[in-house]
Amino acid sequence: MVDARSPERLQSITEKSLFLDNPAADVVKGDGISVAPGGRLPDFEVRVAPVADVNPFTGWQPVREMPLDEVTG
C-alpha cells in the first residue's frame, strides 16, 4: 500500500501535443515548453524526438506533432 503522503501518490503526469506548422523548427527531445509568454520555468517537456513526415513524391511536409509531458508533484 502507498502512503497517502508519499511523492508517488501526489505525482501526476499530463500529456499534450504541440503542433508546429514549420517542420524545420529547432525543437529536440528534452526541450522545455512554457505556456505563458516569458515563463521562467518550462511547463512541459518534449517527450520524444520530433520527426517531420515528408511526402516522397511531392516533398510536402504537414504540421509536426510533438508529444509533451508535464510532471507535477
N, C-alpha and C. Protein backbone atom coordinates (compact mmCIF):
# COMPACT_ATOMS: atom_id res chain seq x y z
N MET A 1 0.83 -1.16 0.00
CA MET A 1 0.00 0.00 0.00
C MET A 1 0.89 1.25 0.00
N VAL A 2 0.52 2.27 -0.77
CA VAL A 2 1.28 3.51 -0.87
C VAL A 2 0.78 4.50 0.17
N ASP A 3 1.71 5.06 0.92
CA ASP A 3 1.36 6.08 1.91
C ASP A 3 0.74 7.28 1.20
N ALA A 4 -0.35 7.82 1.75
CA ALA A 4 -1.07 8.94 1.11
C ALA A 4 -0.22 10.18 0.99
N ARG A 5 0.85 10.29 1.77
CA ARG A 5 1.71 11.46 1.72
C ARG A 5 2.96 11.24 0.89
N SER A 6 3.12 10.08 0.28
CA SER A 6 4.33 9.77 -0.47
C SER A 6 4.36 10.54 -1.80
N PRO A 7 5.56 10.87 -2.30
CA PRO A 7 5.67 11.58 -3.58
C PRO A 7 5.00 10.84 -4.74
N GLU A 8 5.05 9.51 -4.75
CA GLU A 8 4.44 8.74 -5.82
C GLU A 8 2.92 8.95 -5.85
N ARG A 9 2.33 9.10 -4.71
CA ARG A 9 0.87 9.28 -4.63
C ARG A 9 0.46 10.67 -5.10
N LEU A 10 1.30 11.67 -4.91
CA LEU A 10 0.97 13.05 -5.24
C LEU A 10 1.40 13.44 -6.65
N GLN A 11 2.16 12.60 -7.31
CA GLN A 11 2.66 12.93 -8.65
C GLN A 11 1.57 12.73 -9.70
N SER A 12 1.54 13.63 -10.68
CA SER A 12 0.63 13.44 -11.81
C SER A 12 1.36 13.79 -13.09
N ILE A 13 0.98 13.13 -14.16
CA ILE A 13 1.58 13.37 -15.47
C ILE A 13 0.47 13.78 -16.42
N THR A 14 0.65 14.93 -17.08
CA THR A 14 -0.31 15.42 -18.06
C THR A 14 0.35 15.33 -19.43
N GLU A 15 -0.34 14.76 -20.39
CA GLU A 15 0.18 14.64 -21.75
C GLU A 15 -0.58 15.57 -22.67
N LYS A 16 0.15 16.30 -23.50
CA LYS A 16 -0.43 17.19 -24.50
C LYS A 16 0.39 17.05 -25.77
N SER A 17 -0.07 17.70 -26.83
CA SER A 17 0.70 17.74 -28.08
C SER A 17 0.85 19.17 -28.53
N LEU A 18 2.00 19.47 -29.09
CA LEU A 18 2.28 20.76 -29.68
C LEU A 18 2.37 20.55 -31.18
N PHE A 19 1.64 21.35 -31.95
CA PHE A 19 1.66 21.24 -33.41
C PHE A 19 2.34 22.48 -33.98
N LEU A 20 3.41 22.27 -34.74
CA LEU A 20 4.14 23.36 -35.37
C LEU A 20 3.94 23.31 -36.87
N ASP A 21 3.64 24.47 -37.46
CA ASP A 21 3.46 24.49 -38.92
C ASP A 21 4.79 24.66 -39.65
N ASN A 22 5.88 24.84 -38.93
CA ASN A 22 7.21 24.91 -39.53
C ASN A 22 7.94 23.60 -39.24
N PRO A 23 8.02 22.68 -40.21
CA PRO A 23 8.66 21.39 -39.95
C PRO A 23 10.15 21.50 -39.67
N ALA A 24 10.77 22.65 -39.99
CA ALA A 24 12.20 22.83 -39.76
C ALA A 24 12.49 23.51 -38.42
N ALA A 25 11.47 23.70 -37.58
CA ALA A 25 11.67 24.37 -36.29
C ALA A 25 12.69 23.61 -35.45
N ASP A 26 13.52 24.35 -34.72
CA ASP A 26 14.59 23.77 -33.92
C ASP A 26 14.04 23.33 -32.56
N VAL A 27 13.40 22.16 -32.53
CA VAL A 27 12.85 21.59 -31.31
C VAL A 27 13.36 20.16 -31.22
N VAL A 28 13.95 19.80 -30.07
CA VAL A 28 14.50 18.46 -29.88
C VAL A 28 13.97 17.85 -28.59
N LYS A 29 14.15 16.55 -28.45
CA LYS A 29 13.73 15.83 -27.25
C LYS A 29 14.40 16.47 -26.03
N GLY A 30 13.60 16.69 -24.98
CA GLY A 30 14.13 17.26 -23.76
C GLY A 30 13.96 18.77 -23.65
N ASP A 31 13.59 19.44 -24.75
CA ASP A 31 13.34 20.88 -24.71
C ASP A 31 12.17 21.18 -23.79
N GLY A 32 12.24 22.31 -23.10
CA GLY A 32 11.15 22.75 -22.25
C GLY A 32 10.26 23.72 -23.01
N ILE A 33 8.97 23.59 -22.84
CA ILE A 33 7.99 24.45 -23.49
C ILE A 33 7.19 25.18 -22.40
N SER A 34 7.21 26.52 -22.42
CA SER A 34 6.45 27.31 -21.46
C SER A 34 5.12 27.72 -22.08
N VAL A 35 4.07 27.66 -21.30
CA VAL A 35 2.75 28.03 -21.78
C VAL A 35 2.60 29.55 -21.79
N ALA A 36 3.02 30.21 -20.73
CA ALA A 36 2.91 31.66 -20.64
C ALA A 36 4.11 32.32 -21.33
N PRO A 37 3.87 33.38 -22.10
CA PRO A 37 4.99 34.09 -22.71
C PRO A 37 5.94 34.61 -21.63
N GLY A 38 7.22 34.38 -21.81
CA GLY A 38 8.21 34.83 -20.83
C GLY A 38 8.23 33.99 -19.57
N GLY A 39 7.64 32.79 -19.63
CA GLY A 39 7.62 31.91 -18.45
C GLY A 39 9.03 31.55 -18.02
N ARG A 40 9.26 31.56 -16.71
CA ARG A 40 10.61 31.28 -16.19
C ARG A 40 10.94 29.80 -16.23
N LEU A 41 9.98 28.99 -15.87
CA LEU A 41 10.21 27.55 -15.85
C LEU A 41 9.38 26.90 -16.94
N PRO A 42 9.93 25.90 -17.62
CA PRO A 42 9.10 25.22 -18.63
C PRO A 42 7.97 24.44 -17.96
N ASP A 43 6.80 24.55 -18.58
CA ASP A 43 5.64 23.82 -18.08
C ASP A 43 5.62 22.38 -18.59
N PHE A 44 6.09 22.21 -19.83
CA PHE A 44 6.07 20.89 -20.47
C PHE A 44 7.45 20.57 -21.02
N GLU A 45 7.70 19.28 -21.21
CA GLU A 45 8.96 18.81 -21.81
C GLU A 45 8.64 17.96 -23.03
N VAL A 46 9.41 18.17 -24.10
CA VAL A 46 9.24 17.36 -25.31
C VAL A 46 9.66 15.93 -24.96
N ARG A 47 8.74 14.99 -25.11
CA ARG A 47 8.93 13.61 -24.65
C ARG A 47 9.73 12.75 -25.62
N VAL A 48 9.54 12.91 -26.91
CA VAL A 48 10.22 12.08 -27.90
C VAL A 48 10.84 12.98 -28.96
N ALA A 49 11.80 12.44 -29.70
CA ALA A 49 12.41 13.20 -30.78
C ALA A 49 11.39 13.44 -31.88
N PRO A 50 11.06 14.72 -32.17
CA PRO A 50 10.07 15.00 -33.19
C PRO A 50 10.60 14.69 -34.59
N VAL A 51 9.74 14.14 -35.42
CA VAL A 51 10.10 13.81 -36.80
C VAL A 51 9.07 14.46 -37.72
N ALA A 52 9.56 15.14 -38.74
CA ALA A 52 8.66 15.76 -39.71
C ALA A 52 8.46 14.78 -40.87
N ASP A 53 7.22 14.34 -41.07
CA ASP A 53 6.91 13.45 -42.19
C ASP A 53 7.08 14.21 -43.50
N VAL A 54 7.48 13.48 -44.53
CA VAL A 54 7.67 14.08 -45.85
C VAL A 54 7.02 13.18 -46.89
N ASN A 55 6.20 13.77 -47.77
CA ASN A 55 5.64 13.02 -48.88
C ASN A 55 6.76 12.72 -49.86
N PRO A 56 7.05 11.45 -50.15
CA PRO A 56 8.18 11.12 -51.02
C PRO A 56 8.00 11.55 -52.47
N PHE A 57 6.78 11.81 -52.87
CA PHE A 57 6.52 12.18 -54.27
C PHE A 57 6.54 13.68 -54.49
N THR A 58 6.02 14.43 -53.51
CA THR A 58 5.91 15.89 -53.70
C THR A 58 6.85 16.69 -52.81
N GLY A 59 7.37 16.08 -51.74
CA GLY A 59 8.22 16.79 -50.79
C GLY A 59 7.42 17.60 -49.78
N TRP A 60 6.10 17.55 -49.85
CA TRP A 60 5.24 18.30 -48.94
C TRP A 60 5.40 17.78 -47.52
N GLN A 61 5.43 18.69 -46.55
CA GLN A 61 5.51 18.32 -45.15
C GLN A 61 4.32 18.92 -44.40
N PRO A 62 3.56 18.08 -43.71
CA PRO A 62 2.43 18.59 -42.91
C PRO A 62 2.96 19.21 -41.62
N VAL A 63 2.05 19.64 -40.78
CA VAL A 63 2.46 20.14 -39.47
C VAL A 63 3.16 19.03 -38.70
N ARG A 64 3.99 19.42 -37.77
CA ARG A 64 4.75 18.45 -36.99
C ARG A 64 4.17 18.39 -35.58
N GLU A 65 3.86 17.18 -35.12
CA GLU A 65 3.33 16.99 -33.77
C GLU A 65 4.45 16.59 -32.84
N MET A 66 4.46 17.24 -31.66
CA MET A 66 5.44 16.90 -30.63
C MET A 66 4.70 16.54 -29.36
N PRO A 67 4.79 15.28 -28.93
CA PRO A 67 4.17 14.88 -27.66
C PRO A 67 4.89 15.55 -26.50
N LEU A 68 4.13 16.11 -25.55
CA LEU A 68 4.67 16.80 -24.39
C LEU A 68 4.20 16.13 -23.11
N ASP A 69 5.02 16.23 -22.07
CA ASP A 69 4.66 15.74 -20.74
C ASP A 69 4.81 16.87 -19.73
N GLU A 70 3.89 16.93 -18.78
CA GLU A 70 4.02 17.82 -17.64
C GLU A 70 3.96 16.93 -16.40
N VAL A 71 5.01 16.95 -15.60
CA VAL A 71 5.06 16.15 -14.38
C VAL A 71 4.99 17.10 -13.19
N THR A 72 4.04 16.88 -12.34
CA THR A 72 3.92 17.70 -11.12
C THR A 72 3.92 16.79 -9.92
N GLY A 73 4.38 17.33 -8.82
CA GLY A 73 4.40 16.58 -7.56
C GLY A 73 5.69 15.90 -7.27
